């Protein structure tokens, strides 16, 4: 995986987790949705990394 793509997944995961932690104080459902989105984002990064490694 390229450095730019790695940086994108790292930054977007950190932002999603930060927003989820802030949302815990305001809305539990939004925090839960953001937590799921961050887990999916991290998983998607691993999937892309594995597919690029196979090429």
PDB file of N, CA and C in Angstrom:
ATOM      1  N   UNK A   1       0.850  -1.168   0.000  1.00  0.00           N
ATOM      2  CA  UNK A   1       0.000   0.000   0.000  1.00  0.00           C
ATOM      3  C   UNK A   1       0.899   1.236   0.000  1.00  0.00           C
ATOM      4  N   UNK A   2       0.506   2.236  -0.758  1.00  0.00           N
ATOM      5  CA  UNK A   2       1.309   3.449  -0.844  1.00  0.00           C
ATOM      6  C   UNK A   2       1.254   4.228   0.473  1.00  0.00           C
ATOM      7  N   UNK A   3       2.226   5.097   0.643  1.00  0.00           N
ATOM      8  CA  UNK A   3       2.283   5.881   1.879  1.00  0.00           C
ATOM      9  C   UNK A   3       1.100   6.835   1.998  1.00  0.00           C
ATOM     10  N   UNK A   4       0.678   7.383   0.868  1.00  0.00           N
ATOM     11  CA  UNK A   4      -0.460   8.293   0.892  1.00  0.00           C
ATOM     12  C   UNK A   4      -1.746   7.594   1.305  1.00  0.00           C
ATOM     13  N   UNK A   5      -1.949   6.394   0.787  1.00  0.00           N
ATOM     14  CA  UNK A   5      -3.144   5.634   1.128  1.00  0.00           C
ATOM     15  C   UNK A   5      -3.101   5.188   2.591  1.00  0.00           C
ATOM     16  N   UNK A   6      -1.935   4.814   3.063  1.00  0.00           N
ATOM     17  CA  UNK A   6      -1.788   4.456   4.478  1.00  0.00           C
ATOM     18  C   UNK A   6      -2.084   5.648   5.381  1.00  0.00           C
ATOM     19  N   UNK A   7      -1.594   6.812   4.978  1.00  0.00           N
ATOM     20  CA  UNK A   7      -1.848   8.028   5.740  1.00  0.00           C
ATOM     21  C   UNK A   7      -3.333   8.353   5.751  1.00  0.00           C
ATOM     22  N   UNK A   8      -4.005   8.143   4.619  1.00  0.00           N
ATOM     23  CA  UNK A   8      -5.444   8.395   4.546  1.00  0.00           C
ATOM     24  C   UNK A   8      -6.215   7.507   5.522  1.00  0.00           C
ATOM     25  N   UNK A   9      -5.921   6.213   5.530  1.00  0.00           N
ATOM     26  CA  UNK A   9      -6.636   5.307   6.421  1.00  0.00           C
ATOM     27  C   UNK A   9      -6.317   5.585   7.886  1.00  0.00           C
ATOM     28  N   UNK A  10      -5.081   5.917   8.184  1.00  0.00           N
ATOM     29  CA  UNK A  10      -4.722   6.236   9.575  1.00  0.00           C
ATOM     30  C   UNK A  10      -5.432   7.506  10.034  1.00  0.00           C
ATOM     31  N   UNK A  11      -5.414   8.531   9.205  1.00  0.00           N
ATOM     32  CA  UNK A  11      -6.034   9.804   9.575  1.00  0.00           C
ATOM     33  C   UNK A  11      -7.547   9.691   9.683  1.00  0.00           C
ATOM     34  N   UNK A  12      -8.167   9.009   8.722  1.00  0.00           N
ATOM     35  CA  UNK A  12      -9.622   8.896   8.764  1.00  0.00           C
ATOM     36  C   UNK A  12     -10.072   8.035   9.951  1.00  0.00           C
ATOM     37  N   UNK A  13      -9.304   7.027  10.295  1.00  0.00           N
ATOM     38  CA  UNK A  13      -9.656   6.200  11.454  1.00  0.00           C
ATOM     39  C   UNK A  13      -9.538   6.998  12.750  1.00  0.00           C
ATOM     40  N   UNK A  14      -8.498   7.799  12.862  1.00  0.00           N
ATOM     41  CA  UNK A  14      -8.326   8.624  14.054  1.00  0.00           C
ATOM     42  C   UNK A  14      -9.451   9.636  14.170  1.00  0.00           C
ATOM     43  N   UNK A  15      -9.826  10.257  13.055  1.00  0.00           N
ATOM     44  CA  UNK A  15     -10.923  11.225  13.078  1.00  0.00           C
ATOM     45  C   UNK A  15     -12.247  10.574  13.455  1.00  0.00           C
ATOM     46  N   UNK A  16     -12.534   9.415  12.879  1.00  0.00           N
ATOM     47  CA  UNK A  16     -13.777   8.723  13.206  1.00  0.00           C
ATOM     48  C   UNK A  16     -13.835   8.337  14.684  1.00  0.00           C
ATOM     49  N   UNK A  17     -12.729   7.825  15.214  1.00  0.00           N
ATOM     50  CA  UNK A  17     -12.699   7.451  16.625  1.00  0.00           C
ATOM     51  C   UNK A  17     -12.788   8.671  17.536  1.00  0.00           C
ATOM     52  N   UNK A  18     -12.197   9.791  17.120  1.00  0.00           N
ATOM     53  CA  UNK A  18     -12.292  11.021  17.894  1.00  0.00           C
ATOM     54  C   UNK A  18     -13.732  11.520  17.937  1.00  0.00           C
ATOM     55  N   UNK A  19     -14.391  11.518  16.775  1.00  0.00           N
ATOM     56  CA  UNK A  19     -15.788  11.947  16.729  1.00  0.00           C
ATOM     57  C   UNK A  19     -16.683  11.001  17.528  1.00  0.00           C
ATOM     58  N   UNK A  20     -16.364   9.721  17.510  1.00  0.00           N
ATOM     59  CA  UNK A  20     -17.150   8.764  18.295  1.00  0.00           C
ATOM     60  C   UNK A  20     -16.993   9.030  19.791  1.00  0.00           C
ATOM     61  N   UNK A  21     -15.784   9.342  20.209  1.00  0.00           N
ATOM     62  CA  UNK A  21     -15.574   9.612  21.638  1.00  0.00           C
ATOM     63  C   UNK A  21     -16.259  10.909  22.062  1.00  0.00           C
ATOM     64  N   UNK A  22     -16.295  11.898  21.184  1.00  0.00           N
ATOM     65  CA  UNK A  22     -17.006  13.144  21.497  1.00  0.00           C
ATOM     66  C   UNK A  22     -18.508  12.892  21.518  1.00  0.00           C
ATOM     67  N   UNK A  23     -18.988  12.066  20.599  1.00  0.00           N
ATOM     68  CA  UNK A  23     -20.428  11.811  20.482  1.00  0.00           C
ATOM     69  C   UNK A  23     -20.980  11.029  21.670  1.00  0.00           C
ATOM     70  N   UNK A  24     -20.125  10.352  22.411  1.00  0.00           N
ATOM     71  CA  UNK A  24     -20.592   9.601  23.584  1.00  0.00           C
ATOM     72  C   UNK A  24     -21.309  10.537  24.567  1.00  0.00           C
ATOM     73  N   UNK A  25     -20.829  11.768  24.685  1.00  0.00           N
ATOM     74  CA  UNK A  25     -21.434  12.725  25.613  1.00  0.00           C
ATOM     75  C   UNK A  25     -22.784  13.239  25.128  1.00  0.00           C
ATOM     76  N   UNK A  26     -23.004  13.215  23.827  1.00  0.00           N
ATOM     77  CA  UNK A  26     -24.199  13.832  23.270  1.00  0.00           C
ATOM     78  C   UNK A  26     -25.266  12.832  22.850  1.00  0.00           C
ATOM     79  N   UNK A  27     -24.871  11.821  22.099  1.00  0.00           N
ATOM     80  CA  UNK A  27     -25.852  10.902  21.545  1.00  0.00           C
ATOM     81  C   UNK A  27     -25.217   9.514  21.445  1.00  0.00           C
ATOM     82  N   UNK A  28     -25.764   8.582  22.205  1.00  0.00           N
ATOM     83  CA  UNK A  28     -25.191   7.242  22.247  1.00  0.00           C
ATOM     84  C   UNK A  28     -25.305   6.523  20.909  1.00  0.00           C
ATOM     85  N   UNK A  29     -26.415   6.727  20.208  1.00  0.00           N
ATOM     86  CA  UNK A  29     -26.588   6.062  18.913  1.00  0.00           C
ATOM     87  C   UNK A  29     -25.603   6.583  17.874  1.00  0.00           C
ATOM     88  N   UNK A  30     -25.345   7.876  17.889  1.00  0.00           N
ATOM     89  CA  UNK A  30     -24.361   8.445  16.964  1.00  0.00           C
ATOM     90  C   UNK A  30     -22.963   7.915  17.292  1.00  0.00           C
ATOM     91  N   UNK A  31     -22.666   7.799  18.573  1.00  0.00           N
ATOM     92  CA  UNK A  31     -21.367   7.260  18.973  1.00  0.00           C
ATOM     93  C   UNK A  31     -21.226   5.811  18.538  1.00  0.00           C
ATOM     94  N   UNK A  32     -22.299   5.049  18.678  1.00  0.00           N
ATOM     95  CA  UNK A  32     -22.272   3.648  18.248  1.00  0.00           C
ATOM     96  C   UNK A  32     -22.085   3.549  16.733  1.00  0.00           C
ATOM     97  N   UNK A  33     -22.790   4.385  15.988  1.00  0.00           N
ATOM     98  CA  UNK A  33     -22.669   4.377  14.523  1.00  0.00           C
ATOM     99  C   UNK A  33     -21.265   4.788  14.083  1.00  0.00           C
ATOM    100  N   UNK A  34     -20.709   5.783  14.729  1.00  0.00           N
ATOM    101  CA  UNK A  34     -19.349   6.205  14.383  1.00  0.00           C
ATOM    102  C   UNK A  34     -18.324   5.143  14.768  1.00  0.00           C
ATOM    103  N   UNK A  35     -18.552   4.444  15.858  1.00  0.00           N
ATOM    104  CA  UNK A  35     -17.660   3.350  16.239  1.00  0.00           C
ATOM    105  C   UNK A  35     -17.683   2.224  15.218  1.00  0.00           C
ATOM    106  N   UNK A  36     -18.879   1.878  14.757  1.00  0.00           N
ATOM    107  CA  UNK A  36     -18.995   0.847  13.715  1.00  0.00           C
ATOM    108  C   UNK A  36     -18.324   1.317  12.426  1.00  0.00           C
ATOM    109  N   UNK A  37     -18.527   2.589  12.071  1.00  0.00           N
ATOM    110  CA  UNK A  37     -17.910   3.135  10.857  1.00  0.00           C
ATOM    111  C   UNK A  37     -16.386   3.104  10.952  1.00  0.00           C
ATOM    112  N   UNK A  38     -15.847   3.380  12.128  1.00  0.00           N
ATOM    113  CA  UNK A  38     -14.387   3.361  12.274  1.00  0.00           C
ATOM    114  C   UNK A  38     -13.839   1.939  12.177  1.00  0.00           C
ATOM    115  N   UNK A  39     -14.558   0.972  12.742  1.00  0.00           N
ATOM    116  CA  UNK A  39     -14.119  -0.428  12.631  1.00  0.00           C
ATOM    117  C   UNK A  39     -14.166  -0.878  11.170  1.00  0.00           C
ATOM    118  N   UNK A  40     -15.216  -0.493  10.458  1.00  0.00           N
ATOM    119  CA  UNK A  40     -15.315  -0.842   9.040  1.00  0.00           C
ATOM    120  C   UNK A  40     -14.226  -0.160   8.224  1.00  0.00           C
ATOM    121  N   UNK A  41     -13.902   1.074   8.575  1.00  0.00           N
ATOM    122  CA  UNK A  41     -12.834   1.795   7.871  1.00  0.00           C
ATOM    123  C   UNK A  41     -11.481   1.110   8.081  1.00  0.00           C
ATOM    124  N   UNK A  42     -11.204   0.701   9.287  1.00  0.00           N
ATOM    125  CA  UNK A  42      -9.944   0.008   9.574  1.00  0.00           C
ATOM    126  C   UNK A  42      -9.908  -1.334   8.835  1.00  0.00           C
ATOM    127  N   UNK A  43     -11.021  -2.064   8.850  1.00  0.00           N
ATOM    128  CA  UNK A  43     -11.085  -3.331   8.128  1.00  0.00           C
ATOM    129  C   UNK A  43     -10.913  -3.157   6.639  1.00  0.00           C
ATOM    130  N   UNK A  44     -11.516  -2.105   6.092  1.00  0.00           N
ATOM    131  CA  UNK A  44     -11.386  -1.826   4.668  1.00  0.00           C
ATOM    132  C   UNK A  44      -9.929  -1.543   4.316  1.00  0.00           C
ATOM    133  N   UNK A  45      -9.214  -0.847   5.194  1.00  0.00           N
ATOM    134  CA  UNK A  45      -7.786  -0.587   4.981  1.00  0.00           C
ATOM    135  C   UNK A  45      -6.983  -1.876   4.933  1.00  0.00           C
ATOM    136  N   UNK A  46      -7.289  -2.820   5.822  1.00  0.00           N
ATOM    137  CA  UNK A  46      -6.600  -4.103   5.806  1.00  0.00           C
ATOM    138  C   UNK A  46      -6.924  -4.899   4.545  1.00  0.00           C
ATOM    139  N   UNK A  47      -8.170  -4.823   4.086  1.00  0.00           N
ATOM    140  CA  UNK A  47      -8.558  -5.535   2.862  1.00  0.00           C
ATOM    141  C   UNK A  47      -7.808  -4.984   1.664  1.00  0.00           C
ATOM    142  N   UNK A  48      -7.741  -3.674   1.550  1.00  0.00           N
ATOM    143  CA  UNK A  48      -7.016  -3.055   0.433  1.00  0.00           C
ATOM    144  C   UNK A  48      -5.542  -3.410   0.490  1.00  0.00           C
ATOM    145  N   UNK A  49      -4.973  -3.410   1.683  1.00  0.00           N
ATOM    146  CA  UNK A  49      -3.559  -3.750   1.843  1.00  0.00           C
ATOM    147  C   UNK A  49      -3.305  -5.186   1.392  1.00  0.00           C
ATOM    148  N   UNK A  50      -4.184  -6.103   1.762  1.00  0.00           N
ATOM    149  CA  UNK A  50      -4.012  -7.514   1.387  1.00  0.00           C
ATOM    150  C   UNK A  50      -4.160  -7.693  -0.128  1.00  0.00           C
ATOM    151  N   UNK A  51      -5.116  -6.998  -0.723  1.00  0.00           N
ATOM    152  CA  UNK A  51      -5.311  -7.134  -2.175  1.00  0.00           C
ATOM    153  C   UNK A  51      -4.146  -6.549  -2.962  1.00  0.00           C
ATOM    154  N   UNK A  52      -3.604  -5.452  -2.497  1.00  0.00           N
ATOM    155  CA  UNK A  52      -2.449  -4.855  -3.179  1.00  0.00           C
ATOM    156  C   UNK A  52      -1.208  -5.728  -3.027  1.00  0.00           C
ATOM    157  N   UNK A  53      -1.120  -6.439  -1.928  1.00  0.00           N
ATOM    158  CA  UNK A  53       0.035  -7.309  -1.707  1.00  0.00           C
ATOM    159  C   UNK A  53      -0.011  -8.501  -2.651  1.00  0.00           C
ATOM    160  N   UNK A  54      -1.201  -8.962  -3.037  1.00  0.00           N
ATOM    161  CA  UNK A  54      -1.340 -10.109  -3.923  1.00  0.00           C
ATOM    162  C   UNK A  54      -0.936  -9.760  -5.364  1.00  0.00           C
ATOM    163  N   UNK A  55      -1.071  -8.518  -5.758  1.00  0.00           N
ATOM    164  CA  UNK A  55      -0.778  -8.126  -7.135  1.00  0.00           C
ATOM    165  C   UNK A  55       0.679  -8.177  -7.472  1.00  0.00           C
TER     166      UNK A  55
END
